[in-house]
Amino acid sequence: MKIFIKESQYVYLLENLEKNKKFLTKVMGIDFTGKIEQITSSYDVPMEFDKHFANGMINRYLNKFGPMYLFELDGYEYLYLDMGDHEKFIDEKGNIFIENEIPEMLGIDVMGLRFSNIIDLYFNEEESLNESLIKEETNRSVRLLTKYYDIEGDGATYRGDNKIQTLVTFFPKDYDNEMSDHAGSSICNWEFDPPHDLIFKFMTLPSSSFIPLMDYVGETEDLEEYLEEIHRKEAKKFLVRLKKRN
């Protein structure tokens, strides 16, 4: 399936890509830009690895699972292979890692990321943005934010002239985590006409000054839909209380 994007969307994705790289570089403590090499032939593999593979094994891996990737971490070279249901890392000493050890070392496991996501972001192929990159930039916001925050409706306020303002609060699950050490909020404004039909006006998203992850979530359409539903429930509850008073 081909995905067509406008030039403005392409520029947005490129800008967001650089933002994501800066964020991940800070998290991992290493910038992989230009430091990941694609392996498509056994001849591309450094000689240090030769003694750790049976004859023809590398080519069998390549034929079955596609390219391998070579990178350096803490002074050691690693080969990486995405085997579908799990990831495999082999260092130059022959040690094999298949239990998420490398993502944990890099600190990306807590964000639900695999090393394949790092490959997509940092490995530069001479081609346009592909489908996998676009998928990385969409539909991640709710999954990522709910991993670090409890997102709850926090009441409503009557603003007069049939206007309501609702509040949704992001409560950090771990105040010791630098990515979620502050609470944040989303505000939504509504109007209503008798018999209390709600009319959505506008909604704000949490500020990245309180929730740094807002700089990383990419496309926010799914987050906006998620938040609007919580806001709507708060507004409806308020209208029920208002109706009872009248």
Protein backbone atom coordinates (compact mmCIF):
# COMPACT_ATOMS: atom_id res chain seq x y z
CA MET A 1 0.00 0.00 0.00
CA LYS A 2 1.36 3.42 -0.96
CA ILE A 3 0.90 6.39 1.33
CA PHE A 4 0.85 9.84 -0.23
CA ILE A 5 1.60 12.89 1.89
CA LYS A 6 1.59 16.61 1.15
CA GLU A 7 4.82 18.60 1.20
CA SER A 8 3.67 20.37 4.39
CA GLN A 9 3.08 16.99 6.04
CA TYR A 10 6.50 15.81 4.91
CA VAL A 11 8.14 18.88 6.47
CA TYR A 12 6.18 18.31 9.68
CA LEU A 13 7.33 14.68 9.85
CA LEU A 14 10.94 15.66 9.28
CA GLU A 15 10.79 18.29 12.01
CA ASN A 16 9.13 15.86 14.38
CA LEU A 17 11.70 13.21 13.50
CA GLU A 18 14.51 15.51 14.62
CA LYS A 19 12.59 16.32 17.81
CA ASN A 20 12.17 12.61 18.52
CA LYS A 21 15.86 11.99 17.91
CA LYS A 22 16.86 14.69 20.40
CA PHE A 23 14.48 13.29 23.00
CA LEU A 24 15.70 9.70 22.58
CA THR A 25 19.35 10.74 22.51
CA LYS A 26 18.81 12.35 25.91
CA VAL A 27 17.04 9.25 27.25
CA MET A 28 19.61 6.76 25.91
CA GLY A 29 22.72 8.85 26.52
CA ILE A 30 23.93 8.11 23.01
CA ASP A 31 23.26 9.60 19.57
CA PHE A 32 22.98 6.81 16.99
CA THR A 33 22.88 9.22 14.04
CA GLY A 34 25.28 7.88 11.41
CA LYS A 35 26.42 5.10 13.75
CA ILE A 36 24.21 2.25 12.58
CA GLU A 37 25.36 0.17 9.59
CA GLN A 38 23.08 -2.08 7.61
CA ILE A 39 24.33 -5.62 6.98
CA THR A 40 23.03 -7.29 3.81
CA SER A 41 25.88 -9.74 3.20
CA SER A 42 28.16 -11.93 5.32
CA TYR A 43 31.05 -9.93 3.83
CA ASP A 44 29.78 -6.82 5.66
CA VAL A 45 30.18 -8.45 9.09
CA PRO A 46 33.43 -7.58 10.95
CA MET A 47 35.88 -10.47 11.30
CA GLU A 48 35.52 -10.40 15.11
CA PHE A 49 32.13 -12.07 14.68
CA ASP A 50 33.25 -14.86 12.31
CA LYS A 51 34.11 -17.37 15.05
CA HIS A 52 30.66 -16.99 16.64
CA PHE A 53 28.68 -18.12 13.58
CA ALA A 54 28.55 -21.51 11.92
CA ASN A 55 29.41 -21.56 8.23
CA GLY A 56 26.59 -19.97 6.22
CA MET A 57 24.56 -19.00 9.32
CA ILE A 58 24.68 -15.25 8.64
CA ASN A 59 23.33 -15.69 5.12
CA ARG A 60 20.56 -17.93 6.43
CA TYR A 61 19.61 -15.22 8.94
CA LEU A 62 19.63 -12.58 6.20
CA ASN A 63 17.55 -14.68 3.82
CA LYS A 64 14.92 -15.46 6.46
CA PHE A 65 14.69 -12.25 8.49
CA GLY A 66 16.12 -9.52 6.29
CA PRO A 67 18.97 -7.07 7.03
CA MET A 68 21.01 -7.13 10.20
CA TYR A 69 22.38 -3.95 11.75
CA LEU A 70 25.78 -3.23 13.27
CA PHE A 71 26.27 -0.65 16.02
CA GLU A 72 28.60 0.11 18.91
CA LEU A 73 27.57 0.41 22.55
CA ASP A 74 29.87 0.97 25.53
CA GLY A 75 32.95 0.14 23.46
CA TYR A 76 31.61 -3.15 22.02
CA GLU A 77 30.21 -3.87 18.58
CA TYR A 78 26.79 -5.53 18.34
CA LEU A 79 24.86 -7.21 15.56
CA TYR A 80 21.10 -6.71 15.73
CA LEU A 81 18.43 -8.84 14.08
CA ASP A 82 14.67 -8.36 14.25
CA MET A 83 13.29 -11.91 14.38
CA GLY A 84 9.65 -10.87 14.53
CA ASP A 85 8.47 -12.18 17.90
CA HIS A 86 11.72 -11.11 19.57
CA GLU A 87 14.92 -9.17 18.98
CA LYS A 88 18.38 -10.73 18.93
CA PHE A 89 21.66 -9.00 19.77
CA ILE A 90 25.10 -10.59 19.46
CA ASP A 91 28.19 -8.78 20.69
CA GLU A 92 31.73 -9.18 19.35
CA LYS A 93 32.54 -11.61 22.18
CA GLY A 94 29.76 -13.95 21.13
CA ASN A 95 27.32 -13.10 23.93
CA ILE A 96 23.69 -13.36 22.84
CA PHE A 97 20.93 -11.14 24.22
CA ILE A 98 17.28 -11.98 23.56
CA GLU A 99 15.59 -10.98 26.85
CA ASN A 100 15.25 -7.23 26.24
CA GLU A 101 18.62 -6.55 27.92
CA ILE A 102 19.78 -3.96 25.35
CA PRO A 103 16.53 -1.92 25.27
CA GLU A 104 16.64 -1.92 29.10
CA MET A 105 20.26 -0.73 29.03
CA LEU A 106 19.24 2.11 26.69
CA GLY A 107 16.17 2.99 28.76
CA ILE A 108 13.71 2.64 25.86
CA ASP A 109 11.87 -0.43 27.17
CA VAL A 110 9.86 1.68 29.64
CA MET A 111 8.44 3.63 26.69
CA GLY A 112 7.29 0.45 24.97
CA LEU A 113 9.91 0.84 22.25
CA ARG A 114 11.93 -1.87 20.55
CA PHE A 115 15.36 -1.42 19.05
CA SER A 116 13.70 -1.62 15.63
CA ASN A 117 12.13 1.76 16.46
CA ILE A 118 15.63 3.14 16.98
CA ILE A 119 16.65 1.72 13.61
CA ASP A 120 13.68 3.46 11.95
CA LEU A 121 14.62 6.80 13.50
CA TYR A 122 18.40 6.82 13.20
CA PHE A 123 19.30 4.67 10.22
CA ASN A 124 19.33 6.88 7.13
CA GLU A 125 18.41 5.13 3.91
CA GLU A 126 18.44 7.16 0.70
CA GLU A 127 14.68 7.10 0.18
CA SER A 128 11.58 9.07 1.09
CA LEU A 129 9.82 8.71 4.41
CA ASN A 130 8.30 5.26 4.40
CA GLU A 131 5.18 3.74 5.90
CA SER A 132 6.92 2.56 9.05
CA LEU A 133 8.07 6.10 9.85
CA ILE A 134 4.58 7.49 9.32
CA LYS A 135 3.16 4.84 11.63
CA GLU A 136 5.72 5.86 14.26
CA GLU A 137 4.47 9.46 14.04
CA THR A 138 0.78 8.57 14.47
CA ASN A 139 -1.41 6.83 17.00
CA ARG A 140 1.25 6.80 19.70
CA SER A 141 0.06 9.62 21.97
CA VAL A 142 -2.62 7.84 24.03
CA ARG A 143 -0.52 4.67 24.43
CA LEU A 144 2.54 6.61 25.53
CA LEU A 145 0.85 9.10 27.86
CA THR A 146 -1.36 6.56 29.62
CA LYS A 147 1.79 4.57 30.34
CA TYR A 148 3.08 7.40 32.54
CA TYR A 149 -0.10 9.20 33.64
CA ASP A 150 -3.51 8.50 35.09
CA ILE A 151 -5.82 10.69 32.99
CA GLU A 152 -9.05 11.56 34.76
CA GLY A 153 -11.96 13.97 34.48
CA ASP A 154 -11.63 16.64 37.16
CA GLY A 155 -14.96 18.43 37.15
CA ALA A 156 -16.60 21.36 35.38
CA THR A 157 -17.24 25.05 35.99
CA TYR A 158 -20.16 27.17 34.83
CA ARG A 159 -18.90 30.31 33.06
CA GLY A 160 -22.24 32.01 32.57
CA ASP A 161 -24.26 32.60 29.39
CA ASN A 162 -24.75 28.85 28.93
CA LYS A 163 -21.00 28.22 28.85
CA ILE A 164 -19.17 25.36 30.61
CA GLN A 165 -15.48 24.70 31.08
CA THR A 166 -14.34 21.16 31.88
CA LEU A 167 -11.00 19.98 33.24
CA VAL A 168 -9.05 16.77 32.67
CA THR A 169 -5.96 16.22 34.80
CA PHE A 170 -2.87 14.13 34.05
CA PHE A 171 -1.61 12.63 37.32
CA PRO A 172 1.98 11.24 37.18
CA LYS A 173 2.17 7.55 38.06
CA ASP A 174 5.75 8.03 39.22
CA TYR A 175 6.83 11.43 40.56
CA ASP A 176 10.47 10.28 40.56
CA ASN A 177 10.43 9.78 36.79
CA GLU A 178 11.89 12.82 35.02
CA MET A 179 9.48 12.33 32.13
CA SER A 180 6.40 12.50 34.38
CA ASP A 181 7.28 14.49 37.49
CA HIS A 182 4.53 17.12 37.16
CA ALA A 183 0.77 17.05 36.81
CA GLY A 184 -0.71 18.54 33.68
CA SER A 185 -4.18 19.43 32.48
CA SER A 186 -6.43 19.80 29.48
CA ILE A 187 -9.26 22.35 29.41
CA CYS A 188 -12.32 22.18 27.18
CA ASN A 189 -14.94 24.86 26.56
CA TRP A 190 -18.58 24.08 25.78
CA GLU A 191 -21.82 25.86 25.14
CA PHE A 192 -25.28 24.38 25.57
CA ASP A 193 -28.78 25.18 24.37
CA PRO A 194 -31.97 23.99 26.02
CA PRO A 195 -32.64 21.15 26.45
CA HIS A 196 -28.96 21.05 27.29
CA ASP A 197 -27.48 20.01 23.93
CA LEU A 198 -23.68 20.27 24.23
CA ILE A 199 -21.75 22.21 21.63
CA PHE A 200 -17.99 21.65 21.56
CA LYS A 201 -16.03 24.92 21.22
CA PHE A 202 -12.31 24.28 21.72
CA MET A 203 -9.91 22.24 23.82
CA THR A 204 -6.33 22.70 25.02
CA LEU A 205 -3.72 19.96 25.30
CA PRO A 206 -1.28 19.68 28.23
CA SER A 207 1.72 22.00 28.09
CA SER A 208 5.09 20.39 27.42
CA SER A 209 6.52 22.58 30.20
CA PHE A 210 4.62 20.34 32.62
CA ILE A 211 4.56 17.13 30.57
CA PRO A 212 7.80 16.80 28.54
CA LEU A 213 6.35 13.81 26.66
CA MET A 214 4.06 16.21 24.78
CA ASP A 215 7.12 17.10 22.70
CA TYR A 216 7.41 13.45 21.68
CA VAL A 217 3.91 12.15 20.98
CA GLY A 218 3.82 13.20 17.33
CA GLU A 219 0.32 13.22 15.82
CA THR A 220 -2.23 14.08 18.53
CA GLU A 221 -5.50 13.27 16.76
CA ASP A 222 -6.07 10.09 18.78
CA LEU A 223 -5.21 11.93 22.02
CA GLU A 224 -7.67 14.69 21.19
CA GLU A 225 -10.45 12.18 20.59
CA TYR A 226 -9.59 10.38 23.82
CA LEU A 227 -9.60 13.60 25.86
CA GLU A 228 -12.75 14.98 24.26
CA GLU A 229 -14.69 11.92 25.37
CA ILE A 230 -13.54 12.40 28.99
CA HIS A 231 -14.38 16.10 28.81
CA ARG A 232 -17.80 15.33 27.36
CA LYS A 233 -18.60 12.98 30.25
CA GLU A 234 -17.68 15.72 32.74
CA ALA A 235 -19.85 18.25 30.89
CA LYS A 236 -22.82 15.86 30.81
CA LYS A 237 -22.51 15.18 34.53
CA PHE A 238 -22.47 18.93 35.16
CA LEU A 239 -25.58 19.46 33.05
CA VAL A 240 -27.39 16.76 35.03
CA ARG A 241 -26.55 18.56 38.28
CA LEU A 242 -27.56 21.90 36.76
CA LYS A 243 -30.90 20.49 35.63
CA LYS A 244 -31.62 19.15 39.12
CA ARG A 245 -30.98 22.58 40.62
CA ASN A 246 -33.50 24.09 38.23
